[in-house]
Amino acid sequence: MDTYRAIAWIENRLRLLDQRELPHNVIYLDYTNAPAVAVAIREMVVRGAPAIGITAAYGMALAAFHCDAESVADLRVALGAADAVLRAARPTAVNLSGALDRVLARAADPALKTVAAMRAAVLEEAHAIYEQERQANLAIGQHALPLVPEEAHILHHCNTGPLATGEFGTALRVIIAAHEAGKRVHAFVDETRPRLQGARLTAWELQQLGVPYTLIVDGAAAHIMRTRGVDLCVVGCDRIAANGDTANKIGTYHLALAAHAHGIPFYVVGPDIAIEERPAEEVTCVGTCHIAPEGATAANPAFDITPAQYITAIITERGVVRPPYTKTLAQLLR
């Protein structure tokens, strides 16, 4: 996949594709310091759990390369300050905190005796985090291929493609991998209110990759299942509980209920939960245009929980697991 890169490290700078500008403008922004990267994460220049983790790791690398530390001790202080700024950008993002923990652990290695060695180690760890996501995404696509018929209509919610993960995607990778394998797939893309990640981002990505798709409003999913025919639903998730419950973008739960009612397989793609409450303006406005009465109160949870009973299978980089999840997920982790 080389049509666009959401995240790239270029000559000690971090380059991000500004997802706020899509689909109308393809704009890349360059970063040289951790505070600016934190703003990019907070303002959703970059979004998606894996991509946020990768970006935070590279934010730490920027802190290492662009500070004036003269000793290993000074550099560790600079990394600690960068960690605090980056961690505060999205306090509930588990991938972000996990990536920062990995980089800090690497920097704490007592074998790193020079500033140059520590800088190299921090960057190496950031690259490793990126590469781990790449390989996991590729494995997910391979494990999912047998689940996709040779001709299939697939319903997808939110955005889980390369923009959200760094390069290949998770749930959207299932669709893309089937397309690349020669299967005749057609995606129904939920618009995904309130930030319209499906309409703005998933539709754009599928268009870039030549995958046939139809954009639908979120409320049309059940109607499409009944009248147009959907062979499977595939969604991402931010986290999987031990009992198989999953947390994902708001709207996933009602999609699972609709799929269950129509007897359609519902697949969740995720890694081996606190629910973030986003600003009310995302609900009361579309862009800068107010659509609700002035002073309207809005609830805007970013995620919902889909109970395990509505999930046909969970697709991970290690393989596909089916109920009973309390048993099969434990076996997968072992």
Protein backbone atom coordinates (compact mmCIF):
# COMPACT_ATOMS: atom_id res chain seq x y z
CA MET A 1 0.00 0.00 0.00
CA ASP A 2 1.91 3.05 -1.26
CA THR A 3 -0.75 5.53 -2.38
CA TYR A 4 -0.51 7.52 0.86
CA ARG A 5 1.24 7.35 4.21
CA ALA A 6 -0.55 8.45 7.37
CA ILE A 7 2.66 8.47 9.45
CA ALA A 8 6.27 8.73 8.33
CA TRP A 9 9.64 9.45 9.97
CA ILE A 10 11.73 11.54 7.55
CA GLU A 11 15.16 12.95 8.41
CA ASN A 12 14.46 13.29 12.14
CA ARG A 13 11.04 14.82 11.52
CA LEU A 14 7.60 13.28 11.95
CA ARG A 15 5.26 13.69 9.00
CA LEU A 16 1.50 13.23 9.50
CA LEU A 17 -1.30 13.24 6.97
CA ASP A 18 -3.77 15.79 8.35
CA GLN A 19 -6.96 13.74 8.64
CA ARG A 20 -9.02 16.81 9.48
CA GLU A 21 -8.61 17.99 5.88
CA LEU A 22 -9.74 14.76 4.21
CA PRO A 23 -11.34 13.95 1.86
CA HIS A 24 -11.06 17.30 0.09
CA ASN A 25 -7.40 18.16 0.74
CA VAL A 26 -4.37 15.90 1.13
CA ILE A 27 -2.06 17.89 3.38
CA TYR A 28 1.03 16.63 5.20
CA LEU A 29 2.32 18.37 8.33
CA ASP A 30 5.87 18.07 9.69
CA TYR A 31 6.67 18.03 13.42
CA THR A 32 9.92 18.50 15.31
CA ASN A 33 8.83 18.56 18.97
CA ALA A 34 6.67 16.57 21.37
CA PRO A 35 4.28 19.38 22.45
CA ALA A 36 3.25 19.95 18.83
CA VAL A 37 2.69 16.21 18.40
CA ALA A 38 0.51 16.23 21.52
CA VAL A 39 -1.62 18.97 19.95
CA ALA A 40 -1.86 16.90 16.75
CA ILE A 41 -3.16 13.95 18.76
CA ARG A 42 -5.59 16.05 20.80
CA GLU A 43 -6.96 17.90 17.76
CA MET A 44 -7.23 14.68 15.72
CA VAL A 45 -4.72 15.44 13.00
CA VAL A 46 -4.02 11.78 13.65
CA ARG A 47 -6.63 9.40 15.10
CA GLY A 48 -7.23 5.70 15.63
CA ALA A 49 -5.79 3.82 18.59
CA PRO A 50 -2.80 2.18 16.85
CA ALA A 51 -1.88 5.34 14.92
CA ILE A 52 -2.02 7.41 18.11
CA GLY A 53 0.37 4.98 19.81
CA ILE A 54 2.82 5.08 16.90
CA THR A 55 2.64 8.88 16.76
CA ALA A 56 3.29 9.20 20.49
CA ALA A 57 6.35 6.95 20.19
CA TYR A 58 7.74 9.13 17.42
CA GLY A 59 6.93 12.18 19.56
CA MET A 60 9.34 10.78 22.12
CA ALA A 61 11.94 10.29 19.39
CA LEU A 62 11.53 13.96 18.44
CA ALA A 63 12.12 14.92 22.06
CA ALA A 64 15.31 12.86 22.07
CA PHE A 65 16.70 14.26 18.82
CA HIS A 66 15.71 17.89 19.22
CA CYS A 67 16.69 18.63 22.81
CA ASP A 68 20.06 20.06 23.84
CA ALA A 69 20.84 17.39 26.45
CA GLU A 70 24.55 16.95 27.07
CA SER A 71 24.28 13.83 29.21
CA VAL A 72 22.21 10.68 29.48
CA ALA A 73 20.69 12.01 32.68
CA ASP A 74 19.66 15.25 30.96
CA LEU A 75 18.11 13.30 28.09
CA ARG A 76 16.09 11.13 30.47
CA VAL A 77 14.73 14.32 32.06
CA ALA A 78 13.75 15.65 28.63
CA LEU A 79 12.03 12.36 27.77
CA GLY A 80 10.14 12.46 31.05
CA ALA A 81 8.83 15.93 30.26
CA ALA A 82 7.82 14.85 26.75
CA ASP A 83 6.08 11.78 28.16
CA ALA A 84 3.97 13.92 30.48
CA VAL A 85 2.86 16.22 27.64
CA LEU A 86 2.06 13.38 25.25
CA ARG A 87 0.28 11.29 27.87
CA ALA A 88 -2.03 14.20 28.71
CA ALA A 89 -3.09 14.55 25.06
CA ARG A 90 -5.46 11.54 25.27
CA PRO A 91 -5.47 10.17 28.83
CA THR A 92 -7.86 7.30 28.01
CA ALA A 93 -5.94 6.07 24.93
CA VAL A 94 -4.40 2.75 25.96
CA ASN A 95 -2.21 2.45 22.86
CA LEU A 96 -0.73 5.86 23.58
CA SER A 97 0.22 5.05 27.17
CA GLY A 98 1.47 1.61 26.14
CA ALA A 99 3.75 3.06 23.48
CA LEU A 100 5.10 5.69 25.87
CA ASP A 101 5.77 3.03 28.49
CA ARG A 102 7.75 1.00 25.95
CA VAL A 103 9.89 3.96 24.91
CA LEU A 104 10.58 4.97 28.51
CA ALA A 105 11.54 1.40 29.40
CA ARG A 106 13.95 1.30 26.49
CA ALA A 107 15.47 4.64 27.48
CA ALA A 108 15.95 3.38 31.05
CA ASP A 109 18.33 0.63 29.88
CA PRO A 110 21.53 1.12 31.92
CA ALA A 111 23.55 -0.14 28.94
CA LEU A 112 22.86 3.16 27.16
CA LYS A 113 25.90 5.16 28.15
CA THR A 114 25.83 8.05 25.67
CA VAL A 115 23.28 10.55 24.38
CA ALA A 116 23.77 9.23 20.85
CA ALA A 117 23.11 5.65 21.94
CA MET A 118 19.95 6.65 23.79
CA ARG A 119 18.65 8.65 20.85
CA ALA A 120 19.22 5.69 18.55
CA ALA A 121 17.51 3.33 21.01
CA VAL A 122 14.44 5.56 21.39
CA LEU A 123 14.03 5.86 17.63
CA GLU A 124 14.58 2.13 17.20
CA GLU A 125 11.79 1.43 19.70
CA ALA A 126 9.42 3.80 17.88
CA HIS A 127 10.20 2.03 14.60
CA ALA A 128 9.60 -1.32 16.33
CA ILE A 129 6.17 -0.20 17.54
CA TYR A 130 5.27 0.84 14.00
CA GLU A 131 6.55 -2.43 12.52
CA GLN A 132 4.67 -4.49 15.09
CA GLU A 133 1.42 -2.80 14.03
CA ARG A 134 2.23 -3.40 10.34
CA GLN A 135 2.82 -7.10 10.84
CA ALA A 136 -0.27 -7.48 13.04
CA ASN A 137 -2.42 -5.82 10.39
CA LEU A 138 -1.11 -8.12 7.66
CA ALA A 139 -1.74 -11.18 9.83
CA ILE A 140 -5.30 -10.03 10.56
CA GLY A 141 -6.03 -9.85 6.83
CA GLN A 142 -4.71 -13.37 6.27
CA HIS A 143 -6.62 -14.88 9.19
CA ALA A 144 -9.85 -13.22 8.03
CA LEU A 145 -9.72 -14.31 4.38
CA PRO A 146 -11.52 -17.66 4.93
CA LEU A 147 -14.40 -15.80 6.59
CA VAL A 148 -15.14 -13.71 3.48
CA PRO A 149 -17.15 -15.39 0.68
CA GLU A 150 -15.89 -15.11 -2.91
CA GLU A 151 -18.64 -12.54 -3.49
CA ALA A 152 -19.63 -10.53 -0.45
CA HIS A 153 -21.38 -7.39 0.72
CA ILE A 154 -19.62 -6.23 3.88
CA LEU A 155 -20.83 -3.55 6.30
CA HIS A 156 -18.16 -1.53 8.07
CA HIS A 157 -18.43 1.07 10.85
CA CYS A 158 -16.10 4.01 11.58
CA ASN A 159 -12.55 4.04 10.14
CA THR A 160 -10.10 1.23 10.75
CA GLY A 161 -7.92 1.52 7.66
CA PRO A 162 -4.32 2.64 7.18
CA LEU A 163 -5.21 6.13 8.42
CA ALA A 164 -6.14 4.71 11.82
CA THR A 165 -3.35 2.17 12.17
CA GLY A 166 -0.29 3.45 10.35
CA GLU A 167 -0.21 1.46 7.12
CA PHE A 168 -2.54 -1.50 6.48
CA GLY A 169 -5.57 -1.32 8.77
CA THR A 170 -7.43 -3.71 11.07
CA ALA A 171 -11.14 -4.26 10.33
CA LEU A 172 -10.88 -2.43 7.00
CA ARG A 173 -7.87 -4.64 6.24
CA VAL A 174 -10.32 -7.58 6.12
CA ILE A 175 -12.11 -5.92 3.20
CA ILE A 176 -8.94 -4.70 1.51
CA ALA A 177 -7.21 -8.09 1.81
CA ALA A 178 -10.24 -9.85 0.30
CA HIS A 179 -10.24 -7.34 -2.58
CA GLU A 180 -6.51 -7.84 -3.13
CA ALA A 181 -7.05 -11.61 -3.12
CA GLY A 182 -9.45 -11.27 -6.05
CA LYS A 183 -12.69 -11.69 -4.13
CA ARG A 184 -15.63 -9.64 -5.39
CA VAL A 185 -16.38 -7.52 -2.33
CA HIS A 186 -18.54 -4.45 -1.95
CA ALA A 187 -18.43 -2.38 1.22
CA PHE A 188 -21.35 -0.59 2.82
CA VAL A 189 -19.73 2.24 4.78
CA ASP A 190 -21.50 3.74 7.80
CA GLU A 191 -21.04 7.51 7.87
CA THR A 192 -20.25 7.20 11.63
CA ARG A 193 -21.59 10.23 13.43
CA PRO A 194 -20.67 12.57 14.96
CA ARG A 195 -17.22 13.00 13.40
CA LEU A 196 -18.12 11.19 10.17
CA GLN A 197 -15.01 9.02 10.06
CA GLY A 198 -16.76 6.63 7.68
CA ALA A 199 -17.94 9.29 5.25
CA ARG A 200 -14.75 11.34 5.30
CA LEU A 201 -12.03 8.74 5.79
CA THR A 202 -13.13 5.16 5.08
CA ALA A 203 -14.84 6.12 1.83
CA TRP A 204 -11.72 8.06 0.79
CA GLU A 205 -9.42 5.15 1.62
CA LEU A 206 -11.51 2.61 -0.28
CA GLN A 207 -11.58 4.98 -3.22
CA GLN A 208 -7.78 5.30 -3.16
CA LEU A 209 -7.45 1.51 -3.17
CA GLY A 210 -10.08 0.81 -5.81
CA VAL A 211 -12.46 -1.11 -3.53
CA PRO A 212 -16.16 -0.77 -4.50
CA TYR A 213 -18.26 0.84 -1.76
CA THR A 214 -21.55 2.54 -0.97
CA LEU A 215 -21.82 5.18 1.74
CA ILE A 216 -24.88 4.95 4.02
CA VAL A 217 -26.15 6.92 7.01
CA ASP A 218 -25.80 5.12 10.33
CA GLY A 219 -29.54 4.74 10.74
CA ALA A 220 -29.85 2.89 7.40
CA ALA A 221 -27.78 -0.15 8.39
CA ALA A 222 -30.67 -2.40 9.42
CA HIS A 223 -32.65 -1.41 6.31
CA ILE A 224 -29.66 -2.23 4.09
CA MET A 225 -29.33 -5.61 5.80
CA ARG A 226 -32.96 -6.44 5.10
CA THR A 227 -33.33 -5.02 1.59
CA ARG A 228 -29.90 -5.06 -0.08
CA GLY A 229 -28.31 -8.04 1.59
CA VAL A 230 -25.24 -7.99 3.83
CA ASP A 231 -23.07 -11.11 4.16
CA LEU A 232 -21.06 -9.99 7.16
CA CYS A 233 -20.29 -6.99 9.36
CA VAL A 234 -16.73 -6.17 10.35
CA VAL A 235 -15.77 -3.55 12.92
CA GLY A 236 -12.69 -2.66 14.91
CA CYS A 237 -12.34 -2.27 18.63
CA ASP A 238 -10.15 -0.43 21.08
CA ARG A 239 -10.16 -3.16 23.70
CA ILE A 240 -11.47 -6.68 24.34
CA ALA A 241 -12.58 -7.79 27.81
CA ALA A 242 -11.78 -11.29 29.05
CA ASN A 243 -15.43 -12.32 28.59
CA GLY A 244 -15.47 -11.20 24.94
CA ASP A 245 -17.22 -7.84 25.38
CA THR A 246 -15.62 -5.22 23.15
CA ALA A 247 -15.32 -1.43 23.26
CA ASN A 248 -15.51 0.41 19.95
CA LYS A 249 -16.70 3.60 18.29
CA ILE A 250 -20.16 4.69 19.40
CA GLY A 251 -22.80 3.06 17.19
CA THR A 252 -21.16 -0.37 17.11
CA TYR A 253 -23.54 -1.83 19.68
CA HIS A 254 -26.68 -1.01 17.72
CA LEU A 255 -25.06 -2.38 14.56
CA ALA A 256 -24.39 -5.66 16.40
CA LEU A 257 -28.03 -5.80 17.50
CA ALA A 258 -29.21 -5.26 13.92
CA ALA A 259 -26.87 -7.95 12.60
CA HIS A 260 -28.06 -10.37 15.27
CA ALA A 261 -31.69 -9.70 14.35
CA HIS A 262 -30.97 -10.47 10.68
CA GLY A 263 -28.77 -13.51 11.29
CA ILE A 264 -25.67 -11.84 9.84
CA PRO A 265 -22.18 -12.75 11.11
CA PHE A 266 -20.71 -9.92 13.18
CA TYR A 267 -16.91 -9.93 13.34
CA VAL A 268 -14.80 -7.76 15.61
CA VAL A 269 -11.16 -7.11 14.80
CA GLY A 270 -8.97 -6.11 17.71
CA PRO A 271 -5.70 -6.40 19.60
CA ASP A 272 -4.76 -9.23 21.97
CA ILE A 273 -12.22 0.77 29.38
CA ALA A 274 -12.74 3.86 30.13
CA ILE A 275 -15.26 5.59 27.85
CA GLU A 276 -14.03 8.96 26.65
CA GLU A 277 -16.62 11.74 26.58
CA ARG A 278 -15.93 13.96 23.57
CA PRO A 279 -16.93 17.66 23.31
CA ALA A 280 -20.66 18.33 22.94
CA GLU A 281 -19.95 20.54 19.91
CA GLU A 282 -19.27 17.41 17.84
CA VAL A 283 -22.97 16.57 18.20
CA THR A 284 -24.51 20.05 18.10
CA CYS A 285 -22.45 21.13 15.09
CA VAL A 286 -21.38 19.77 11.72
CA GLY A 287 -18.03 21.39 11.13
CA THR A 288 -18.57 25.02 12.11
CA CYS A 289 -22.32 24.95 11.37
CA HIS A 290 -24.67 24.74 14.39
CA ILE A 291 -27.49 22.24 13.84
CA ALA A 292 -29.03 22.28 17.34
CA PRO A 293 -30.68 25.12 19.28
CA GLU A 294 -28.30 27.42 21.09
CA GLY A 295 -27.62 26.04 24.56
CA ALA A 296 -28.74 22.50 23.73
CA THR A 297 -27.32 19.85 26.05
CA ALA A 298 -25.63 16.92 24.28
CA ALA A 299 -24.13 13.63 25.41
CA ASN A 300 -21.21 12.50 23.26
CA PRO A 301 -19.65 9.21 24.42
CA ALA A 302 -16.86 8.23 22.04
CA PHE A 303 -17.33 4.47 22.47
CA ASP A 304 -19.91 1.88 23.40
CA ILE A 305 -19.69 -1.70 24.66
CA THR A 306 -20.85 -4.59 22.47
CA PRO A 307 -21.74 -7.64 24.59
CA ALA A 308 -19.99 -10.87 23.61
CA GLN A 309 -23.30 -12.61 22.90
CA TYR A 310 -23.69 -10.56 19.71
CA ILE A 311 -20.18 -11.22 18.37
CA THR A 312 -19.76 -14.13 15.93
CA ALA A 313 -15.97 -14.19 16.20
CA ILE A 314 -13.04 -11.99 17.14
CA ILE A 315 -10.22 -11.68 14.59
CA THR A 316 -6.75 -10.97 15.99
CA GLU A 317 -3.22 -11.07 14.65
CA ARG A 318 -2.86 -14.48 16.35
CA GLY A 319 -5.94 -16.00 14.77
CA VAL A 320 -9.74 -16.15 14.91
CA VAL A 321 -11.48 -16.99 18.19
CA ARG A 322 -15.11 -17.96 18.73
CA PRO A 323 -17.33 -18.41 21.79
CA PRO A 324 -17.05 -19.28 24.60
CA TYR A 325 -14.69 -16.31 24.80
CA THR A 326 -13.79 -16.76 28.46
CA LYS A 327 -12.13 -19.99 27.35
CA THR A 328 -10.90 -19.25 23.84
CA LEU A 329 -9.43 -15.80 24.58
CA ALA A 330 -7.50 -17.25 27.51
CA GLN A 331 -6.19 -20.02 25.27
CA LEU A 332 -5.16 -17.47 22.62
CA LEU A 333 -3.22 -15.42 25.15
CA ARG A 334 -1.44 -18.48 26.46
